[in-house]
Protein backbone atom coordinates (compact mmCIF):
# COMPACT_ATOMS: atom_id res chain seq x y z
CA UNK A 1 30.05 -6.46 -33.94
CA UNK A 2 26.99 -6.65 -31.71
CA UNK A 3 26.82 -9.63 -29.37
CA UNK A 4 23.51 -11.34 -28.79
CA UNK A 5 22.28 -12.81 -25.53
CA UNK A 6 23.03 -16.31 -26.83
CA UNK A 7 26.72 -15.61 -27.36
CA UNK A 8 29.49 -16.12 -24.86
CA UNK A 9 31.19 -12.96 -23.69
CA UNK A 10 34.11 -15.01 -22.37
CA UNK A 11 35.55 -18.36 -23.40
CA UNK A 12 38.47 -20.24 -21.88
CA UNK A 13 39.32 -23.66 -23.31
CA UNK A 14 42.04 -26.06 -22.15
CA UNK A 15 44.07 -23.28 -20.54
CA UNK A 16 47.30 -24.14 -18.70
CA UNK A 17 49.66 -21.92 -16.71
CA UNK A 18 52.71 -23.07 -14.77
CA UNK A 19 54.93 -20.98 -12.47
CA UNK A 20 58.31 -22.45 -11.53
CA UNK A 21 57.04 -25.99 -11.82
CA UNK A 22 53.72 -25.28 -10.06
CA UNK A 23 50.67 -25.75 -12.28
CA UNK A 24 48.42 -22.89 -11.20
CA UNK A 25 45.92 -23.45 -14.03
CA UNK A 26 45.36 -26.91 -15.48
CA UNK A 27 43.11 -27.60 -18.45
CA UNK A 28 40.74 -24.82 -17.41
CA UNK A 29 37.60 -24.61 -19.54
CA UNK A 30 35.04 -21.93 -18.72
CA UNK A 31 32.16 -20.31 -20.61
CA UNK A 32 30.21 -17.22 -19.64
CA UNK A 33 27.08 -15.74 -21.21
CA UNK A 34 26.58 -12.09 -22.11
CA UNK A 35 24.94 -10.24 -19.22
CA UNK A 36 25.64 -13.01 -16.72
CA UNK A 37 26.73 -12.53 -13.12
CA UNK A 38 29.00 -15.50 -12.35
CA UNK A 39 30.38 -16.16 -8.89
CA UNK A 40 33.64 -18.08 -8.57
CA UNK A 41 34.67 -19.76 -5.34
CA UNK A 42 37.46 -22.11 -4.36
CA UNK A 43 39.99 -22.71 -1.61
CA UNK A 44 43.23 -20.74 -1.43
CA UNK A 45 45.52 -21.74 -4.28
CA UNK A 46 42.64 -22.90 -6.49
CA UNK A 47 43.71 -20.57 -9.30
CA UNK A 48 41.07 -17.85 -8.99
CA UNK A 49 43.41 -14.84 -9.13
CA UNK A 50 45.58 -16.47 -11.79
CA UNK A 51 42.48 -16.95 -13.90
CA UNK A 52 41.76 -13.22 -13.71
CA UNK A 53 45.41 -12.46 -14.46
CA UNK A 54 45.15 -14.54 -17.63
CA UNK A 55 41.93 -12.85 -18.75
CA UNK A 56 43.35 -9.36 -18.22
CA UNK A 57 46.78 -10.01 -19.72
CA UNK A 58 48.82 -9.68 -16.53
CA UNK A 59 50.20 -13.08 -17.43
CA UNK A 60 49.88 -15.26 -20.51
CA UNK A 61 48.83 -18.89 -20.75
CA UNK A 62 51.24 -21.65 -21.67
CA UNK A 63 48.50 -23.26 -23.69
CA UNK A 64 44.83 -22.85 -24.52
CA UNK A 65 42.31 -20.36 -25.86
CA UNK A 66 40.98 -17.22 -24.18
CA UNK A 67 38.43 -15.26 -26.22
CA UNK A 68 36.34 -12.15 -25.54
CA UNK A 69 33.08 -12.05 -27.43
CA UNK A 70 32.80 -14.08 -30.57
CA UNK A 71 36.34 -14.07 -31.89
CA UNK A 72 38.67 -11.65 -30.06
CA UNK A 73 41.76 -13.60 -28.98
CA UNK A 74 43.10 -12.20 -25.70
CA UNK A 75 46.19 -14.38 -25.38
CA UNK A 76 48.49 -12.12 -27.39
CA UNK A 77 47.25 -8.78 -26.09
CA UNK A 78 48.73 -6.50 -23.40
CA UNK A 79 46.83 -5.32 -20.34
CA UNK A 80 46.02 -1.87 -21.73
CA UNK A 81 44.74 -3.39 -25.00
CA UNK A 82 42.46 -5.77 -23.12
CA UNK A 83 41.22 -2.93 -20.91
CA UNK A 84 40.34 -0.89 -23.99
CA UNK A 85 38.25 -3.77 -25.30
CA UNK A 86 35.97 -3.32 -22.29
CA UNK A 87 37.33 -5.67 -19.63
CA UNK A 88 37.77 -3.96 -16.27
CA UNK A 89 39.19 -5.45 -13.10
CA UNK A 90 38.62 -4.46 -9.50
CA UNK A 91 41.14 -5.81 -7.01
CA UNK A 92 40.38 -6.66 -3.39
CA UNK A 93 42.03 -3.47 -2.12
CA UNK A 94 40.28 -0.39 -3.53
CA UNK A 95 42.35 1.60 -6.02
CA UNK A 96 40.99 5.14 -5.98
CA UNK A 97 42.49 8.64 -6.11
CA UNK A 98 42.38 9.28 -2.38
CA UNK A 99 43.19 13.01 -2.59
CA UNK A 100 40.44 13.69 -5.14
CA UNK A 101 36.70 13.86 -4.60
CA UNK A 102 34.21 11.20 -5.61
CA UNK A 103 33.15 13.41 -8.53
CA UNK A 104 36.75 13.84 -9.67
CA UNK A 105 37.46 10.10 -9.42
CA UNK A 106 34.56 9.37 -11.75
CA UNK A 107 35.54 12.21 -14.08
CA UNK A 108 39.10 10.90 -14.35
CA UNK A 109 37.71 7.49 -15.32
CA UNK A 110 35.55 8.66 -18.23
CA UNK A 111 36.70 7.67 -21.73
CA UNK A 112 38.83 10.23 -23.53
CA UNK A 113 40.35 11.74 -20.40
CA UNK A 114 44.06 11.99 -21.16
CA UNK A 115 45.55 13.52 -18.02
CA UNK A 116 44.65 14.57 -14.49
CA UNK A 117 45.30 18.21 -15.38
CA UNK A 118 43.06 18.08 -18.45
CA UNK A 119 40.28 16.34 -16.57
CA UNK A 120 40.27 18.58 -13.51
CA UNK A 121 40.92 21.95 -15.09
CA UNK A 122 39.01 21.72 -18.35
CA UNK A 123 35.33 22.53 -18.58
CA UNK A 124 33.13 19.57 -17.66
CA UNK A 125 30.68 18.96 -20.48
CA UNK A 126 26.98 18.39 -19.96
CA UNK A 127 27.34 14.82 -21.21
CA UNK A 128 30.13 14.15 -18.71
CA UNK A 129 28.15 15.64 -15.85
CA UNK A 130 25.06 13.64 -16.78
CA UNK A 131 27.07 10.42 -16.90
CA UNK A 132 28.68 11.13 -13.53
CA UNK A 133 25.27 11.90 -12.02
CA UNK A 134 24.02 8.55 -13.35
CA UNK A 135 26.99 6.72 -11.83
CA UNK A 136 26.48 8.47 -8.49
CA UNK A 137 22.92 7.19 -8.40
CA UNK A 138 23.94 3.65 -9.40
CA UNK A 139 26.62 3.46 -6.71
CA UNK A 140 24.58 5.32 -4.07
CA UNK A 141 27.32 7.90 -3.66
CA UNK A 142 25.38 11.05 -4.58
CA UNK A 143 25.57 12.20 -0.97
CA UNK A 144 29.38 11.99 -1.05
CA UNK A 145 29.95 13.71 -4.40
CA UNK A 146 32.29 16.32 -2.89
CA UNK A 147 33.97 14.01 -0.38
CA UNK A 148 37.59 13.04 -0.91
CA UNK A 149 37.83 9.35 -1.72
CA UNK A 150 40.33 8.81 1.09
CA UNK A 151 37.69 9.84 3.62
CA UNK A 152 35.07 7.36 2.44
CA UNK A 153 34.13 4.27 4.40
CA UNK A 154 35.60 1.03 3.10
CA UNK A 155 32.38 -0.10 1.45
CA UNK A 156 31.92 3.29 -0.20
CA UNK A 157 35.43 3.09 -1.66
CA UNK A 158 34.59 -0.31 -3.10
CA UNK A 159 31.42 1.03 -4.70
CA UNK A 160 33.33 4.04 -6.03
CA UNK A 161 35.85 1.79 -7.73
CA UNK A 162 33.05 -0.21 -9.33
CA UNK A 163 31.63 3.12 -10.51
CA UNK A 164 35.02 3.98 -12.01
CA UNK A 165 34.96 0.73 -13.99
CA UNK A 166 31.48 1.60 -15.22
CA UNK A 167 32.72 5.06 -16.19
CA UNK A 168 35.30 3.35 -18.42
CA UNK A 169 32.45 1.59 -20.25
CA UNK A 170 33.62 -1.84 -19.13
CA UNK A 171 31.45 -4.57 -20.64
CA UNK A 172 32.95 -7.34 -18.49
CA UNK A 173 33.72 -6.55 -14.85
CA UNK A 174 36.08 -8.78 -12.89
CA UNK A 175 35.51 -8.16 -9.18
CA UNK A 176 37.86 -9.77 -6.65
CA UNK A 177 36.50 -10.27 -3.12
CA UNK A 178 34.48 -7.05 -3.01
CA UNK A 179 33.13 -7.53 0.52
CA UNK A 180 36.38 -8.23 2.38
CA UNK A 181 36.44 -6.07 5.53
CA UNK A 182 32.91 -4.76 5.09
CA UNK A 183 30.12 -4.46 7.62
CA UNK A 184 26.93 -6.45 7.03
CA UNK A 185 25.17 -3.30 5.77
CA UNK A 186 27.99 -2.45 3.34
CA UNK A 187 28.02 -6.05 2.13
CA UNK A 188 24.29 -5.98 1.42
CA UNK A 189 24.59 -2.70 -0.50
CA UNK A 190 27.45 -4.05 -2.56
CA UNK A 191 25.41 -7.11 -3.39
CA UNK A 192 22.49 -4.94 -4.48
CA UNK A 193 24.82 -2.93 -6.70
CA UNK A 194 26.26 -5.99 -8.42
CA UNK A 195 22.81 -7.48 -8.96
CA UNK A 196 21.61 -4.22 -10.50
CA UNK A 197 24.44 -4.34 -13.05
CA UNK A 198 23.78 -7.89 -14.23
CA UNK A 199 22.13 -7.97 -17.63
CA UNK A 200 23.48 -4.65 -18.84
CA UNK A 201 26.98 -5.80 -17.86
CA UNK A 202 28.68 -9.15 -17.45
CA UNK A 203 30.35 -9.78 -14.11
CA UNK A 204 32.71 -12.33 -12.59
CA UNK A 205 32.79 -12.07 -8.80
CA UNK A 206 35.35 -13.96 -6.73
CA UNK A 207 34.20 -14.32 -3.14
CA UNK A 208 34.76 -16.44 -0.02
CA UNK A 209 31.76 -15.32 2.04
CA UNK A 210 29.07 -17.86 1.21
CA UNK A 211 26.33 -15.69 2.73
CA UNK A 212 27.23 -13.01 0.18
CA UNK A 213 27.50 -15.61 -2.58
CA UNK A 214 23.99 -16.75 -1.72
CA UNK A 215 22.77 -13.13 -1.99
CA UNK A 216 24.09 -12.53 -5.50
CA UNK A 217 24.71 -15.90 -7.18
CA UNK A 218 22.66 -17.44 -9.94
CA UNK A 219 25.44 -19.76 -11.10
CA UNK A 220 28.52 -20.66 -9.10
CA UNK A 221 31.78 -22.06 -10.49
CA UNK A 222 34.06 -23.92 -8.08
CA UNK A 223 37.77 -23.96 -8.93
CA UNK A 224 40.17 -26.54 -7.52
CA UNK A 225 43.80 -27.05 -8.49
CA UNK A 226 43.43 -24.75 -11.46
CA UNK A 227 40.39 -26.31 -13.10
CA UNK A 228 36.61 -26.35 -12.75
CA UNK A 229 35.48 -28.81 -10.10
CA UNK A 230 31.77 -28.20 -10.55
CA UNK A 231 29.18 -25.58 -11.48
CA UNK A 232 25.61 -25.01 -10.38
CA UNK A 233 23.36 -23.13 -7.99
CA UNK A 234 24.53 -22.28 -4.48
CA UNK A 235 22.58 -25.19 -3.03
CA UNK A 236 23.94 -27.62 -5.62
CA UNK A 237 27.50 -26.50 -4.96
CA UNK A 238 27.22 -26.56 -1.17
CA UNK A 239 25.79 -30.06 -1.24
CA UNK A 240 28.30 -31.42 -3.73
CA UNK A 241 30.42 -34.06 -2.00
CA UNK A 242 33.52 -33.19 -4.02
CA UNK A 243 33.24 -29.54 -2.97
CA UNK A 244 32.77 -30.48 0.68
CA UNK A 245 35.84 -32.71 0.52
CA UNK A 246 37.96 -30.01 -1.14
CA UNK A 247 37.07 -27.38 1.44
CA UNK A 248 36.96 -29.39 4.63
CA UNK A 249 38.09 -32.92 3.92
CA UNK A 250 34.99 -34.25 5.69
CA UNK A 251 31.20 -34.01 5.70
CA UNK A 252 29.77 -30.80 7.06
CA UNK A 253 26.58 -28.85 7.52
CA UNK A 254 25.91 -27.24 4.09
CA UNK A 255 24.47 -24.16 5.80
CA UNK A 256 27.89 -23.29 7.13
CA UNK A 257 30.39 -21.19 5.20
CA UNK A 258 32.62 -23.12 2.86
């Protein structure tokens, strides 16, 4: 089934999740358009990571609906099944094959690769090489094609992992705090990469750095106590009195980081 631009790629309605008496997600309702880049912010404990866990099948909701596309129910699926549907997740700490080159990392991520041995010691097809070349250009890693991933700078590792998600043909990318520990230059490059993917891919980006949020965000969702507090542009969110109260408990200069 082909999704149109007017369809939601992701729907969460009235979702609850409780851990040992703590309600991490409470009546969460969230809609996301196809091709959208959505930024999610919120104080520690707001439910951001749990939300991603629910979408990817790491944990299951106690109640509510989670759908991918028009009618694919995610709540009963395992992680690998959800991944195969085209939902890819990038954690805060890069997860790359440190002893393999950038080229090999991307090769291992291509669809149909069944083992490390098969990927690295079989003949690379022209289609595979062309796709890897395309990903190297997208991630600005062409100059490091033969470099072992473990030797890359932190920002380069982050971009490589995003490239690995793209190699898997992920339609929805869930990106958790991609700029943590980066220099200003690496942060800017990562922002440019994510912006370049919007439209052809759908992205949820969780981030704390409001300067970075301002660089990439078109629509921001604020989570608080496991539900949506508000949504809007960066300026609307930063000037929202409820958001200010949640973050700081007092009035503040909206130009400062939340």
